[in-house]
Amino acid sequence: MSSTPEQRKANRRLGLILASVAIAFMVGFMVKMTWLGR
């Protein structure tokens, strides 16, 4: 089951999108905690 270069590029792009969404949620959570922690 070998993946084509197009599939690898799509998988890499999907991984980057998911990682950026996870980082955005983490940053938003940290900002919320700092604002509510005061």
PDB file of N, CA and C in Angstrom:
ATOM      1  N   MET A   1       0.856  -1.192   0.000  1.00  0.00           N
ATOM      2  CA  MET A   1       0.000   0.000   0.000  1.00  0.00           C
ATOM      3  C   MET A   1       0.891   1.240   0.000  1.00  0.00           C
ATOM      4  N   SER A   2       1.376   1.585  -1.171  1.00  0.00           N
ATOM      5  CA  SER A   2       2.252   2.751  -1.281  1.00  0.00           C
ATOM      6  C   SER A   2       1.428   3.980  -1.623  1.00  0.00           C
ATOM      7  N   SER A   3       1.754   5.086  -0.985  1.00  0.00           N
ATOM      8  CA  SER A   3       1.014   6.315  -1.229  1.00  0.00           C
ATOM      9  C   SER A   3       1.713   7.123  -2.314  1.00  0.00           C
ATOM     10  N   THR A   4       0.928   7.783  -3.105  1.00  0.00           N
ATOM     11  CA  THR A   4       1.477   8.603  -4.179  1.00  0.00           C
ATOM     12  C   THR A   4       1.988   9.924  -3.596  1.00  0.00           C
ATOM     13  N   PRO A   5       2.838  10.621  -4.317  1.00  0.00           N
ATOM     14  CA  PRO A   5       3.300  11.935  -3.813  1.00  0.00           C
ATOM     15  C   PRO A   5       2.149  12.897  -3.544  1.00  0.00           C
ATOM     16  N   GLU A   6       1.082  12.805  -4.339  1.00  0.00           N
ATOM     17  CA  GLU A   6      -0.066  13.685  -4.090  1.00  0.00           C
ATOM     18  C   GLU A   6      -0.709  13.367  -2.745  1.00  0.00           C
ATOM     19  N   GLN A   7      -0.811  12.067  -2.430  1.00  0.00           N
ATOM     20  CA  GLN A   7      -1.406  11.683  -1.141  1.00  0.00           C
ATOM     21  C   GLN A   7      -0.511  12.114   0.011  1.00  0.00           C
ATOM     22  N   ARG A   8       0.805  11.961  -0.161  1.00  0.00           N
ATOM     23  CA  ARG A   8       1.716  12.392   0.905  1.00  0.00           C
ATOM     24  C   ARG A   8       1.619  13.890   1.127  1.00  0.00           C
ATOM     25  N   LYS A   9       1.509  14.670   0.041  1.00  0.00           N
ATOM     26  CA  LYS A   9       1.404  16.118   0.186  1.00  0.00           C
ATOM     27  C   LYS A   9       0.088  16.490   0.878  1.00  0.00           C
ATOM     28  N   ALA A  10      -0.995  15.795   0.520  1.00  0.00           N
ATOM     29  CA  ALA A  10      -2.284  16.057   1.151  1.00  0.00           C
ATOM     30  C   ALA A  10      -2.239  15.686   2.627  1.00  0.00           C
ATOM     31  N   ASN A  11      -1.592  14.553   2.957  1.00  0.00           N
ATOM     32  CA  ASN A  11      -1.497  14.148   4.361  1.00  0.00           C
ATOM     33  C   ASN A  11      -0.664  15.130   5.160  1.00  0.00           C
ATOM     34  N   ARG A  12       0.437  15.622   4.574  1.00  0.00           N
ATOM     35  CA  ARG A  12       1.270  16.597   5.271  1.00  0.00           C
ATOM     36  C   ARG A  12       0.494  17.893   5.505  1.00  0.00           C
ATOM     37  N   ARG A  13      -0.282  18.314   4.494  1.00  0.00           N
ATOM     38  CA  ARG A  13      -1.071  19.540   4.647  1.00  0.00           C
ATOM     39  C   ARG A  13      -2.140  19.354   5.722  1.00  0.00           C
ATOM     40  N   LEU A  14      -2.795  18.205   5.729  1.00  0.00           N
ATOM     41  CA  LEU A  14      -3.812  17.927   6.750  1.00  0.00           C
ATOM     42  C   LEU A  14      -3.183  17.915   8.137  1.00  0.00           C
ATOM     43  N   GLY A  15      -2.001  17.326   8.260  1.00  0.00           N
ATOM     44  CA  GLY A  15      -1.315  17.305   9.552  1.00  0.00           C
ATOM     45  C   GLY A  15      -0.964  18.704  10.021  1.00  0.00           C
ATOM     46  N   LEU A  16      -0.493  19.552   9.102  1.00  0.00           N
ATOM     47  CA  LEU A  16      -0.169  20.924   9.484  1.00  0.00           C
ATOM     48  C   LEU A  16      -1.414  21.687   9.912  1.00  0.00           C
ATOM     49  N   ILE A  17      -2.526  21.465   9.209  1.00  0.00           N
ATOM     50  CA  ILE A  17      -3.774  22.144   9.577  1.00  0.00           C
ATOM     51  C   ILE A  17      -4.232  21.694  10.962  1.00  0.00           C
ATOM     52  N   LEU A  18      -4.202  20.385  11.214  1.00  0.00           N
ATOM     53  CA  LEU A  18      -4.633  19.884  12.525  1.00  0.00           C
ATOM     54  C   LEU A  18      -3.713  20.375  13.632  1.00  0.00           C
ATOM     55  N   ALA A  19      -2.407  20.413  13.364  1.00  0.00           N
ATOM     56  CA  ALA A  19      -1.459  20.892  14.368  1.00  0.00           C
ATOM     57  C   ALA A  19      -1.692  22.371  14.666  1.00  0.00           C
ATOM     58  N   SER A  20      -1.951  23.172  13.627  1.00  0.00           N
ATOM     59  CA  SER A  20      -2.176  24.597  13.860  1.00  0.00           C
ATOM     60  C   SER A  20      -3.476  24.828  14.623  1.00  0.00           C
ATOM     61  N   VAL A  21      -4.489  24.018  14.356  1.00  0.00           N
ATOM     62  CA  VAL A  21      -5.747  24.141  15.105  1.00  0.00           C
ATOM     63  C   VAL A  21      -5.520  23.786  16.569  1.00  0.00           C
ATOM     64  N   ALA A  22      -4.756  22.720  16.825  1.00  0.00           N
ATOM     65  CA  ALA A  22      -4.477  22.317  18.200  1.00  0.00           C
ATOM     66  C   ALA A  22      -3.679  23.393  18.921  1.00  0.00           C
ATOM     67  N   ILE A  23      -2.699  23.984  18.244  1.00  0.00           N
ATOM     68  CA  ILE A  23      -1.899  25.054  18.858  1.00  0.00           C
ATOM     69  C   ILE A  23      -2.777  26.272  19.135  1.00  0.00           C
ATOM     70  N   ALA A  24      -3.687  26.593  18.208  1.00  0.00           N
ATOM     71  CA  ALA A  24      -4.575  27.741  18.418  1.00  0.00           C
ATOM     72  C   ALA A  24      -5.468  27.506  19.633  1.00  0.00           C
ATOM     73  N   PHE A  25      -5.997  26.285  19.785  1.00  0.00           N
ATOM     74  CA  PHE A  25      -6.818  25.985  20.965  1.00  0.00           C
ATOM     75  C   PHE A  25      -5.992  26.090  22.239  1.00  0.00           C
ATOM     76  N   MET A  26      -4.758  25.602  22.213  1.00  0.00           N
ATOM     77  CA  MET A  26      -3.907  25.655  23.398  1.00  0.00           C
ATOM     78  C   MET A  26      -3.601  27.099  23.778  1.00  0.00           C
ATOM     79  N   VAL A  27      -3.257  27.909  22.776  1.00  0.00           N
ATOM     80  CA  VAL A  27      -2.953  29.321  23.049  1.00  0.00           C
ATOM     81  C   VAL A  27      -4.194  30.027  23.574  1.00  0.00           C
ATOM     82  N   GLY A  28      -5.343  29.767  22.977  1.00  0.00           N
ATOM     83  CA  GLY A  28      -6.585  30.385  23.448  1.00  0.00           C
ATOM     84  C   GLY A  28      -6.905  29.978  24.879  1.00  0.00           C
ATOM     85  N   PHE A  29      -6.672  28.723  25.218  1.00  0.00           N
ATOM     86  CA  PHE A  29      -6.922  28.253  26.579  1.00  0.00           C
ATOM     87  C   PHE A  29      -5.975  28.933  27.564  1.00  0.00           C
ATOM     88  N   MET A  30      -4.688  29.059  27.185  1.00  0.00           N
ATOM     89  CA  MET A  30      -3.722  29.712  28.065  1.00  0.00           C
ATOM     90  C   MET A  30      -4.078  31.180  28.276  1.00  0.00           C
ATOM     91  N   VAL A  31      -4.496  31.855  27.211  1.00  0.00           N
ATOM     92  CA  VAL A  31      -4.885  33.269  27.333  1.00  0.00           C
ATOM     93  C   VAL A  31      -6.113  33.394  28.241  1.00  0.00           C
ATOM     94  N   LYS A  32      -7.074  32.478  28.069  1.00  0.00           N
ATOM     95  CA  LYS A  32      -8.263  32.522  28.912  1.00  0.00           C
ATOM     96  C   LYS A  32      -7.901  32.303  30.375  1.00  0.00           C
ATOM     97  N   MET A  33      -6.993  31.362  30.645  1.00  0.00           N
ATOM     98  CA  MET A  33      -6.610  31.107  32.028  1.00  0.00           C
ATOM     99  C   MET A  33      -5.879  32.300  32.628  1.00  0.00           C
ATOM    100  N   THR A  34      -5.035  32.975  31.839  1.00  0.00           N
ATOM    101  CA  THR A  34      -4.317  34.130  32.387  1.00  0.00           C
ATOM    102  C   THR A  34      -5.282  35.283  32.651  1.00  0.00           C
ATOM    103  N   TRP A  35      -6.264  35.465  31.770  1.00  0.00           N
ATOM    104  CA  TRP A  35      -7.224  36.565  31.992  1.00  0.00           C
ATOM    105  C   TRP A  35      -8.119  36.275  33.186  1.00  0.00           C
ATOM    106  N   LEU A  36      -8.533  35.006  33.356  1.00  0.00           N
ATOM    107  CA  LEU A  36      -9.406  34.674  34.483  1.00  0.00           C
ATOM    108  C   LEU A  36      -8.619  34.499  35.769  1.00  0.00           C
ATOM    109  N   GLY A  37      -7.311  34.303  35.656  1.00  0.00           N
ATOM    110  CA  GLY A  37      -6.509  34.076  36.859  1.00  0.00           C
ATOM    111  C   GLY A  37      -6.210  35.343  37.628  1.00  0.00           C
ATOM    112  N   ARG A  38      -6.397  36.488  36.997  1.00  0.00           N
ATOM    113  CA  ARG A  38      -6.079  37.737  37.696  1.00  0.00           C
ATOM    114  C   ARG A  38      -7.061  38.015  38.823  1.00  0.00           C
TER     115      ARG A  38
END
